[in-house]
Amino acid sequence: MIEFLSGAVTAGYLVAAGFFWRFWLKTRDRLFVAFTVAFVFFALNQALVGLFRVTTEPESLVYVLRILGFAVILAAILDKNLRSRER
């Protein structure tokens, strides 16, 4: 059952990445590329957690992907705000 739910969450992350990719194709805004990359990281994280049956976070380096995803989102938001101030 856990594997099924992990797969469903992974699919959800990939769907979200697809939506952000589509938004990027329409607007060419770097923020959407960053969100696409972040959600792909989240999907990889969830898939690896499901495949390796990771039960505790501190014992696994798989969760580094989640940290990278949040770092990408934070950097994209900061970049967007700094670019809007320059105008």
PDB file of N, CA and C in Angstrom:
ATOM      1  N   MET A   1       0.813  -1.192   0.000  1.00  0.00           N
ATOM      2  CA  MET A   1       0.000   0.000   0.000  1.00  0.00           C
ATOM      3  C   MET A   1       0.859   1.260   0.000  1.00  0.00           C
ATOM      4  N   ILE A   2       1.958   1.249   0.763  1.00  0.00           N
ATOM      5  CA  ILE A   2       2.850   2.397   0.825  1.00  0.00           C
ATOM      6  C   ILE A   2       3.472   2.658  -0.550  1.00  0.00           C
ATOM      7  N   GLU A   3       3.829   1.607  -1.257  1.00  0.00           N
ATOM      8  CA  GLU A   3       4.422   1.775  -2.579  1.00  0.00           C
ATOM      9  C   GLU A   3       3.438   2.429  -3.540  1.00  0.00           C
ATOM     10  N   PHE A   4       2.166   2.032  -3.450  1.00  0.00           N
ATOM     11  CA  PHE A   4       1.135   2.618  -4.299  1.00  0.00           C
ATOM     12  C   PHE A   4       0.989   4.112  -4.015  1.00  0.00           C
ATOM     13  N   LEU A   5       0.930   4.475  -2.746  1.00  0.00           N
ATOM     14  CA  LEU A   5       0.793   5.882  -2.383  1.00  0.00           C
ATOM     15  C   LEU A   5       2.025   6.687  -2.780  1.00  0.00           C
ATOM     16  N   SER A   6       3.185   6.088  -2.646  1.00  0.00           N
ATOM     17  CA  SER A   6       4.406   6.756  -3.060  1.00  0.00           C
ATOM     18  C   SER A   6       4.395   7.010  -4.564  1.00  0.00           C
ATOM     19  N   GLY A   7       3.916   6.049  -5.314  1.00  0.00           N
ATOM     20  CA  GLY A   7       3.797   6.228  -6.763  1.00  0.00           C
ATOM     21  C   GLY A   7       2.787   7.295  -7.129  1.00  0.00           C
ATOM     22  N   ALA A   8       1.689   7.369  -6.390  1.00  0.00           N
ATOM     23  CA  ALA A   8       0.671   8.388  -6.654  1.00  0.00           C
ATOM     24  C   ALA A   8       1.219   9.784  -6.373  1.00  0.00           C
ATOM     25  N   VAL A   9       1.954   9.920  -5.293  1.00  0.00           N
ATOM     26  CA  VAL A   9       2.547  11.221  -4.971  1.00  0.00           C
ATOM     27  C   VAL A   9       3.594  11.597  -6.023  1.00  0.00           C
ATOM     28  N   THR A  10       4.384  10.629  -6.459  1.00  0.00           N
ATOM     29  CA  THR A  10       5.372  10.874  -7.508  1.00  0.00           C
ATOM     30  C   THR A  10       4.690  11.350  -8.780  1.00  0.00           C
ATOM     31  N   ALA A  11       3.604  10.692  -9.156  1.00  0.00           N
ATOM     32  CA  ALA A  11       2.855  11.103 -10.346  1.00  0.00           C
ATOM     33  C   ALA A  11       2.289  12.512 -10.181  1.00  0.00           C
ATOM     34  N   GLY A  12       1.818  12.836  -8.994  1.00  0.00           N
ATOM     35  CA  GLY A  12       1.309  14.182  -8.738  1.00  0.00           C
ATOM     36  C   GLY A  12       2.390  15.242  -8.905  1.00  0.00           C
ATOM     37  N   TYR A  13       3.582  14.953  -8.406  1.00  0.00           N
ATOM     38  CA  TYR A  13       4.689  15.893  -8.574  1.00  0.00           C
ATOM     39  C   TYR A  13       5.029  16.069 -10.051  1.00  0.00           C
ATOM     40  N   LEU A  14       5.012  14.986 -10.807  1.00  0.00           N
ATOM     41  CA  LEU A  14       5.316  15.078 -12.233  1.00  0.00           C
ATOM     42  C   LEU A  14       4.237  15.843 -12.992  1.00  0.00           C
ATOM     43  N   VAL A  15       2.988  15.693 -12.581  1.00  0.00           N
ATOM     44  CA  VAL A  15       1.906  16.475 -13.197  1.00  0.00           C
ATOM     45  C   VAL A  15       2.111  17.955 -12.916  1.00  0.00           C
ATOM     46  N   ALA A  16       2.459  18.291 -11.685  1.00  0.00           N
ATOM     47  CA  ALA A  16       2.725  19.690 -11.341  1.00  0.00           C
ATOM     48  C   ALA A  16       3.905  20.234 -12.155  1.00  0.00           C
ATOM     49  N   ALA A  17       4.950  19.424 -12.312  1.00  0.00           N
ATOM     50  CA  ALA A  17       6.097  19.843 -13.125  1.00  0.00           C
ATOM     51  C   ALA A  17       5.664  20.090 -14.561  1.00  0.00           C
ATOM     52  N   GLY A  18       4.777  19.248 -15.074  1.00  0.00           N
ATOM     53  CA  GLY A  18       4.271  19.436 -16.433  1.00  0.00           C
ATOM     54  C   GLY A  18       3.491  20.731 -16.587  1.00  0.00           C
ATOM     55  N   PHE A  19       2.684  21.056 -15.593  1.00  0.00           N
ATOM     56  CA  PHE A  19       1.942  22.323 -15.641  1.00  0.00           C
ATOM     57  C   PHE A  19       2.896  23.513 -15.640  1.00  0.00           C
ATOM     58  N   PHE A  20       3.898  23.495 -14.780  1.00  0.00           N
ATOM     59  CA  PHE A  20       4.843  24.603 -14.741  1.00  0.00           C
ATOM     60  C   PHE A  20       5.646  24.696 -16.040  1.00  0.00           C
ATOM     61  N   TRP A  21       5.967  23.556 -16.630  1.00  0.00           N
ATOM     62  CA  TRP A  21       6.672  23.566 -17.917  1.00  0.00           C
ATOM     63  C   TRP A  21       5.797  24.206 -18.996  1.00  0.00           C
ATOM     64  N   ARG A  22       4.517  23.879 -18.979  1.00  0.00           N
ATOM     65  CA  ARG A  22       3.592  24.475 -19.948  1.00  0.00           C
ATOM     66  C   ARG A  22       3.486  25.987 -19.738  1.00  0.00           C
ATOM     67  N   PHE A  23       3.443  26.425 -18.485  1.00  0.00           N
ATOM     68  CA  PHE A  23       3.405  27.857 -18.210  1.00  0.00           C
ATOM     69  C   PHE A  23       4.679  28.535 -18.709  1.00  0.00           C
ATOM     70  N   TRP A  24       5.824  27.846 -18.562  1.00  0.00           N
ATOM     71  CA  TRP A  24       7.073  28.414 -19.048  1.00  0.00           C
ATOM     72  C   TRP A  24       7.059  28.549 -20.562  1.00  0.00           C
ATOM     73  N   LEU A  25       6.520  27.561 -21.266  1.00  0.00           N
ATOM     74  CA  LEU A  25       6.448  27.639 -22.720  1.00  0.00           C
ATOM     75  C   LEU A  25       5.620  28.833 -23.176  1.00  0.00           C
ATOM     76  N   LYS A  26       4.608  29.210 -22.403  1.00  0.00           N
ATOM     77  CA  LYS A  26       3.764  30.350 -22.769  1.00  0.00           C
ATOM     78  C   LYS A  26       4.405  31.685 -22.409  1.00  0.00           C
ATOM     79  N   THR A  27       5.080  31.753 -21.252  1.00  0.00           N
ATOM     80  CA  THR A  27       5.556  33.051 -20.749  1.00  0.00           C
ATOM     81  C   THR A  27       7.057  33.249 -20.858  1.00  0.00           C
ATOM     82  N   ARG A  28       7.822  32.190 -20.921  1.00  0.00           N
ATOM     83  CA  ARG A  28       9.295  32.235 -20.899  1.00  0.00           C
ATOM     84  C   ARG A  28       9.832  32.906 -19.642  1.00  0.00           C
ATOM     85  N   ASP A  29       9.116  32.744 -18.533  1.00  0.00           N
ATOM     86  CA  ASP A  29       9.544  33.295 -17.245  1.00  0.00           C
ATOM     87  C   ASP A  29      10.392  32.249 -16.525  1.00  0.00           C
ATOM     88  N   ARG A  30      11.565  32.673 -16.066  1.00  0.00           N
ATOM     89  CA  ARG A  30      12.487  31.737 -15.401  1.00  0.00           C
ATOM     90  C   ARG A  30      11.907  31.121 -14.137  1.00  0.00           C
ATOM     91  N   LEU A  31      10.984  31.803 -13.521  1.00  0.00           N
ATOM     92  CA  LEU A  31      10.370  31.284 -12.298  1.00  0.00           C
ATOM     93  C   LEU A  31       9.704  29.931 -12.562  1.00  0.00           C
ATOM     94  N   PHE A  32       9.050  29.791 -13.708  1.00  0.00           N
ATOM     95  CA  PHE A  32       8.367  28.536 -14.022  1.00  0.00           C
ATOM     96  C   PHE A  32       9.347  27.397 -14.306  1.00  0.00           C
ATOM     97  N   VAL A  33      10.497  27.716 -14.890  1.00  0.00           N
ATOM     98  CA  VAL A  33      11.517  26.674 -15.100  1.00  0.00           C
ATOM     99  C   VAL A  33      12.023  26.178 -13.749  1.00  0.00           C
ATOM    100  N   ALA A  34      12.233  27.106 -12.834  1.00  0.00           N
ATOM    101  CA  ALA A  34      12.719  26.721 -11.506  1.00  0.00           C
ATOM    102  C   ALA A  34      11.704  25.833 -10.793  1.00  0.00           C
ATOM    103  N   PHE A  35      10.419  26.177 -10.886  1.00  0.00           N
ATOM    104  CA  PHE A  35       9.401  25.340 -10.262  1.00  0.00           C
ATOM    105  C   PHE A  35       9.338  23.969 -10.939  1.00  0.00           C
ATOM    106  N   THR A  36       9.534  23.924 -12.247  1.00  0.00           N
ATOM    107  CA  THR A  36       9.571  22.635 -12.953  1.00  0.00           C
ATOM    108  C   THR A  36      10.703  21.769 -12.426  1.00  0.00           C
ATOM    109  N   VAL A  37      11.892  22.352 -12.319  1.00  0.00           N
ATOM    110  CA  VAL A  37      13.057  21.607 -11.817  1.00  0.00           C
ATOM    111  C   VAL A  37      12.821  21.149 -10.384  1.00  0.00           C
ATOM    112  N   ALA A  38      12.266  22.031  -9.560  1.00  0.00           N
ATOM    113  CA  ALA A  38      12.017  21.681  -8.159  1.00  0.00           C
ATOM    114  C   ALA A  38      11.044  20.514  -8.050  1.00  0.00           C
ATOM    115  N   PHE A  39       9.968  20.529  -8.825  1.00  0.00           N
ATOM    116  CA  PHE A  39       9.009  19.437  -8.736  1.00  0.00           C
ATOM    117  C   PHE A  39       9.553  18.140  -9.324  1.00  0.00           C
ATOM    118  N   VAL A  40      10.461  18.217 -10.270  1.00  0.00           N
ATOM    119  CA  VAL A  40      11.133  16.995 -10.734  1.00  0.00           C
ATOM    120  C   VAL A  40      12.012  16.437  -9.620  1.00  0.00           C
ATOM    121  N   PHE A  41      12.705  17.314  -8.887  1.00  0.00           N
ATOM    122  CA  PHE A  41      13.476  16.862  -7.722  1.00  0.00           C
ATOM    123  C   PHE A  41      12.571  16.200  -6.689  1.00  0.00           C
ATOM    124  N   PHE A  42      11.413  16.809  -6.432  1.00  0.00           N
ATOM    125  CA  PHE A  42      10.470  16.235  -5.471  1.00  0.00           C
ATOM    126  C   PHE A  42       9.992  14.858  -5.945  1.00  0.00           C
ATOM    127  N   ALA A  43       9.726  14.726  -7.246  1.00  0.00           N
ATOM    128  CA  ALA A  43       9.276  13.439  -7.791  1.00  0.00           C
ATOM    129  C   ALA A  43      10.369  12.383  -7.662  1.00  0.00           C
ATOM    130  N   LEU A  44      11.605  12.758  -7.981  1.00  0.00           N
ATOM    131  CA  LEU A  44      12.718  11.810  -7.821  1.00  0.00           C
ATOM    132  C   LEU A  44      12.884  11.395  -6.370  1.00  0.00           C
ATOM    133  N   ASN A  45      12.778  12.359  -5.473  1.00  0.00           N
ATOM    134  CA  ASN A  45      12.879  12.066  -4.051  1.00  0.00           C
ATOM    135  C   ASN A  45      11.823  11.047  -3.645  1.00  0.00           C
ATOM    136  N   GLN A  46      10.584  11.306  -4.008  1.00  0.00           N
ATOM    137  CA  GLN A  46       9.490  10.419  -3.605  1.00  0.00           C
ATOM    138  C   GLN A  46       9.628   9.037  -4.235  1.00  0.00           C
ATOM    139  N   ALA A  47      10.053   8.993  -5.493  1.00  0.00           N
ATOM    140  CA  ALA A  47      10.235   7.701  -6.155  1.00  0.00           C
ATOM    141  C   ALA A  47      11.337   6.883  -5.486  1.00  0.00           C
ATOM    142  N   LEU A  48      12.440   7.542  -5.149  1.00  0.00           N
ATOM    143  CA  LEU A  48      13.540   6.826  -4.496  1.00  0.00           C
ATOM    144  C   LEU A  48      13.160   6.378  -3.088  1.00  0.00           C
ATOM    145  N   VAL A  49      12.393   7.195  -2.385  1.00  0.00           N
ATOM    146  CA  VAL A  49      11.926   6.800  -1.052  1.00  0.00           C
ATOM    147  C   VAL A  49      11.045   5.558  -1.160  1.00  0.00           C
ATOM    148  N   GLY A  50      10.191   5.523  -2.166  1.00  0.00           N
ATOM    149  CA  GLY A  50       9.325   4.359  -2.359  1.00  0.00           C
ATOM    150  C   GLY A  50      10.089   3.125  -2.795  1.00  0.00           C
ATOM    151  N   LEU A  51      11.068   3.306  -3.661  1.00  0.00           N
ATOM    152  CA  LEU A  51      11.834   2.161  -4.152  1.00  0.00           C
ATOM    153  C   LEU A  51      12.740   1.563  -3.078  1.00  0.00           C
ATOM    154  N   PHE A  52      13.389   2.433  -2.297  1.00  0.00           N
ATOM    155  CA  PHE A  52      14.317   1.953  -1.276  1.00  0.00           C
ATOM    156  C   PHE A  52      13.659   1.752   0.084  1.00  0.00           C
ATOM    157  N   ARG A  53      12.369   2.053   0.173  1.00  0.00           N
ATOM    158  CA  ARG A  53      11.606   1.897   1.422  1.00  0.00           C
ATOM    159  C   ARG A  53      12.297   2.586   2.604  1.00  0.00           C
ATOM    160  N   VAL A  54      12.612   3.848   2.403  1.00  0.00           N
ATOM    161  CA  VAL A  54      13.247   4.648   3.452  1.00  0.00           C
ATOM    162  C   VAL A  54      12.215   4.939   4.526  1.00  0.00           C
ATOM    163  N   THR A  55      12.562   4.659   5.765  1.00  0.00           N
ATOM    164  CA  THR A  55      11.601   4.875   6.848  1.00  0.00           C
ATOM    165  C   THR A  55      11.930   6.086   7.706  1.00  0.00           C
ATOM    166  N   THR A  56      13.214   6.421   7.822  1.00  0.00           N
ATOM    167  CA  THR A  56      13.587   7.576   8.645  1.00  0.00           C
ATOM    168  C   THR A  56      14.429   8.539   7.830  1.00  0.00           C
ATOM    169  N   GLU A  57      14.143   9.813   7.963  1.00  0.00           N
ATOM    170  CA  GLU A  57      14.824  10.820   7.169  1.00  0.00           C
ATOM    171  C   GLU A  57      16.319  10.959   7.478  1.00  0.00           C
ATOM    172  N   PRO A  58      16.714  11.036   8.731  1.00  0.00           N
ATOM    173  CA  PRO A  58      18.140  11.291   8.993  1.00  0.00           C
ATOM    174  C   PRO A  58      19.074  10.196   8.483  1.00  0.00           C
ATOM    175  N   GLU A  59      18.568   9.012   8.271  1.00  0.00           N
ATOM    176  CA  GLU A  59      19.425   7.902   7.848  1.00  0.00           C
ATOM    177  C   GLU A  59      19.594   7.816   6.341  1.00  0.00           C
ATOM    178  N   SER A  60      18.979   8.685   5.594  1.00  0.00           N
ATOM    179  CA  SER A  60      19.019   8.568   4.150  1.00  0.00           C
ATOM    180  C   SER A  60      19.457   9.876   3.497  1.00  0.00           C
ATOM    181  N   LEU A  61      20.274   9.755   2.474  1.00  0.00           N
ATOM    182  CA  LEU A  61      20.688  10.922   1.705  1.00  0.00           C
ATOM    183  C   LEU A  61      19.705  11.240   0.581  1.00  0.00           C
ATOM    184  N   VAL A  62      18.674  10.429   0.437  1.00  0.00           N
ATOM    185  CA  VAL A  62      17.674  10.656  -0.600  1.00  0.00           C
ATOM    186  C   VAL A  62      16.981  11.992  -0.386  1.00  0.00           C
ATOM    187  N   TYR A  63      16.850  12.409   0.838  1.00  0.00           N
ATOM    188  CA  TYR A  63      16.121  13.637   1.153  1.00  0.00           C
ATOM    189  C   TYR A  63      16.894  14.893   0.756  1.00  0.00           C
ATOM    190  N   VAL A  64      18.140  14.737   0.319  1.00  0.00           N
ATOM    191  CA  VAL A  64      18.892  15.880  -0.199  1.00  0.00           C
ATOM    192  C   VAL A  64      18.186  16.444  -1.430  1.00  0.00           C
ATOM    193  N   LEU A  65      17.532  15.587  -2.201  1.00  0.00           N
ATOM    194  CA  LEU A  65      16.787  16.057  -3.373  1.00  0.00           C
ATOM    195  C   LEU A  65      15.665  17.013  -2.971  1.00  0.00           C
ATOM    196  N   ARG A  66      15.010  16.741  -1.875  1.00  0.00           N
ATOM    197  CA  ARG A  66      13.945  17.624  -1.403  1.00  0.00           C
ATOM    198  C   ARG A  66      14.524  18.976  -0.983  1.00  0.00           C
ATOM    199  N   ILE A  67      15.655  18.946  -0.308  1.00  0.00           N
ATOM    200  CA  ILE A  67      16.310  20.193   0.096  1.00  0.00           C
ATOM    201  C   ILE A  67      16.720  20.987  -1.140  1.00  0.00           C
ATOM    202  N   LEU A  68      17.259  20.313  -2.141  1.00  0.00           N
ATOM    203  CA  LEU A  68      17.629  20.990  -3.381  1.00  0.00           C
ATOM    204  C   LEU A  68      16.408  21.614  -4.057  1.00  0.00           C
ATOM    205  N   GLY A  69      15.292  20.907  -4.034  1.00  0.00           N
ATOM    206  CA  GLY A  69      14.072  21.443  -4.626  1.00  0.00           C
ATOM    207  C   GLY A  69      13.633  22.722  -3.954  1.00  0.00           C
ATOM    208  N   PHE A  70      13.635  22.733  -2.623  1.00  0.00           N
ATOM    209  CA  PHE A  70      13.249  23.945  -1.905  1.00  0.00           C
ATOM    210  C   PHE A  70      14.266  25.062  -2.115  1.00  0.00           C
ATOM    211  N   ALA A  71      15.555  24.720  -2.236  1.00  0.00           N
ATOM    212  CA  ALA A  71      16.581  25.731  -2.500  1.00  0.00           C
ATOM    213  C   ALA A  71      16.376  26.358  -3.879  1.00  0.00           C
ATOM    214  N   VAL A  72      16.003  25.553  -4.858  1.00  0.00           N
ATOM    215  CA  VAL A  72      15.737  26.074  -6.200  1.00  0.00           C
ATOM    216  C   VAL A  72      14.545  27.026  -6.167  1.00  0.00           C
ATOM    217  N   ILE A  73      13.488  26.658  -5.452  1.00  0.00           N
ATOM    218  CA  ILE A  73      12.312  27.528  -5.343  1.00  0.00           C
ATOM    219  C   ILE A  73      12.682  28.844  -4.654  1.00  0.00           C
ATOM    220  N   LEU A  74      13.425  28.767  -3.574  1.00  0.00           N
ATOM    221  CA  LEU A  74      13.828  29.972  -2.853  1.00  0.00           C
ATOM    222  C   LEU A  74      14.681  30.875  -3.738  1.00  0.00           C
ATOM    223  N   ALA A  75      15.635  30.297  -4.450  1.00  0.00           N
ATOM    224  CA  ALA A  75      16.491  31.090  -5.339  1.00  0.00           C
ATOM    225  C   ALA A  75      15.675  31.733  -6.457  1.00  0.00           C
ATOM    226  N   ALA A  76      14.695  31.012  -6.980  1.00  0.00           N
ATOM    227  CA  ALA A  76      13.868  31.558  -8.053  1.00  0.00           C
ATOM    228  C   ALA A  76      13.017  32.721  -7.567  1.00  0.00           C
ATOM    229  N   ILE A  77      12.474  32.598  -6.367  1.00  0.00           N
ATOM    230  CA  ILE A  77      11.661  33.690  -5.815  1.00  0.00           C
ATOM    231  C   ILE A  77      12.523  34.919  -5.556  1.00  0.00           C
ATOM    232  N   LEU A  78      13.706  34.711  -4.993  1.00  0.00           N
ATOM    233  CA  LEU A  78      14.611  35.836  -4.761  1.00  0.00           C
ATOM    234  C   LEU A  78      15.020  36.484  -6.079  1.00  0.00           C
ATOM    235  N   ASP A  79      15.322  35.672  -7.084  1.00  0.00           N
ATOM    236  CA  ASP A  79      15.693  36.189  -8.396  1.00  0.00           C
ATOM    237  C   ASP A  79      14.555  37.001  -9.008  1.00  0.00           C
ATOM    238  N   LYS A  80      13.343  36.498  -8.907  1.00  0.00           N
ATOM    239  CA  LYS A  80      12.183  37.203  -9.454  1.00  0.00           C
ATOM    240  C   LYS A  80      11.987  38.546  -8.759  1.00  0.00           C
ATOM    241  N   ASN A  81      12.127  38.582  -7.447  1.00  0.00           N
ATOM    242  CA  ASN A  81      11.956  39.833  -6.707  1.00  0.00           C
ATOM    243  C   ASN A  81      13.066  40.826  -7.004  1.00  0.00           C
ATOM    244  N   LEU A  82      14.290  40.354  -7.137  1.00  0.00           N
ATOM    245  CA  LEU A  82      15.390  41.257  -7.437  1.00  0.00           C
ATOM    246  C   LEU A  82      15.295  41.812  -8.858  1.00  0.00           C
ATOM    247  N   ARG A  83      14.871  40.987  -9.807  1.00  0.00           N
ATOM    248  CA  ARG A  83      14.696  41.466 -11.173  1.00  0.00           C
ATOM    249  C   ARG A  83      13.582  42.506 -11.270  1.00  0.00           C
ATOM    250  N   SER A  84      12.516  42.341 -10.489  1.00  0.00           N
ATOM    251  CA  SER A  84      11.418  43.301 -10.556  1.00  0.00           C
ATOM    252  C   SER A  84      11.802  44.636  -9.920  1.00  0.00           C
ATOM    253  N   ARG A  85      12.717  44.632  -8.967  1.00  0.00           N
ATOM    254  CA  ARG A  85      13.187  45.886  -8.356  1.00  0.00           C
ATOM    255  C   ARG A  85      14.067  46.677  -9.310  1.00  0.00           C
ATOM    256  N   GLU A  86      14.791  45.977 -10.185  1.00  0.00           N
ATOM    257  CA  GLU A  86      15.705  46.643 -11.116  1.00  0.00           C
ATOM    258  C   GLU A  86      14.963  47.424 -12.181  1.00  0.00           C
ATOM    259  N   ARG A  87      13.731  47.078 -12.449  1.00  0.00           N
ATOM    260  CA  ARG A  87      12.956  47.745 -13.507  1.00  0.00           C
ATOM    261  C   ARG A  87      12.419  49.034 -13.084  1.00  0.00           C
TER     262      ARG A  87
END
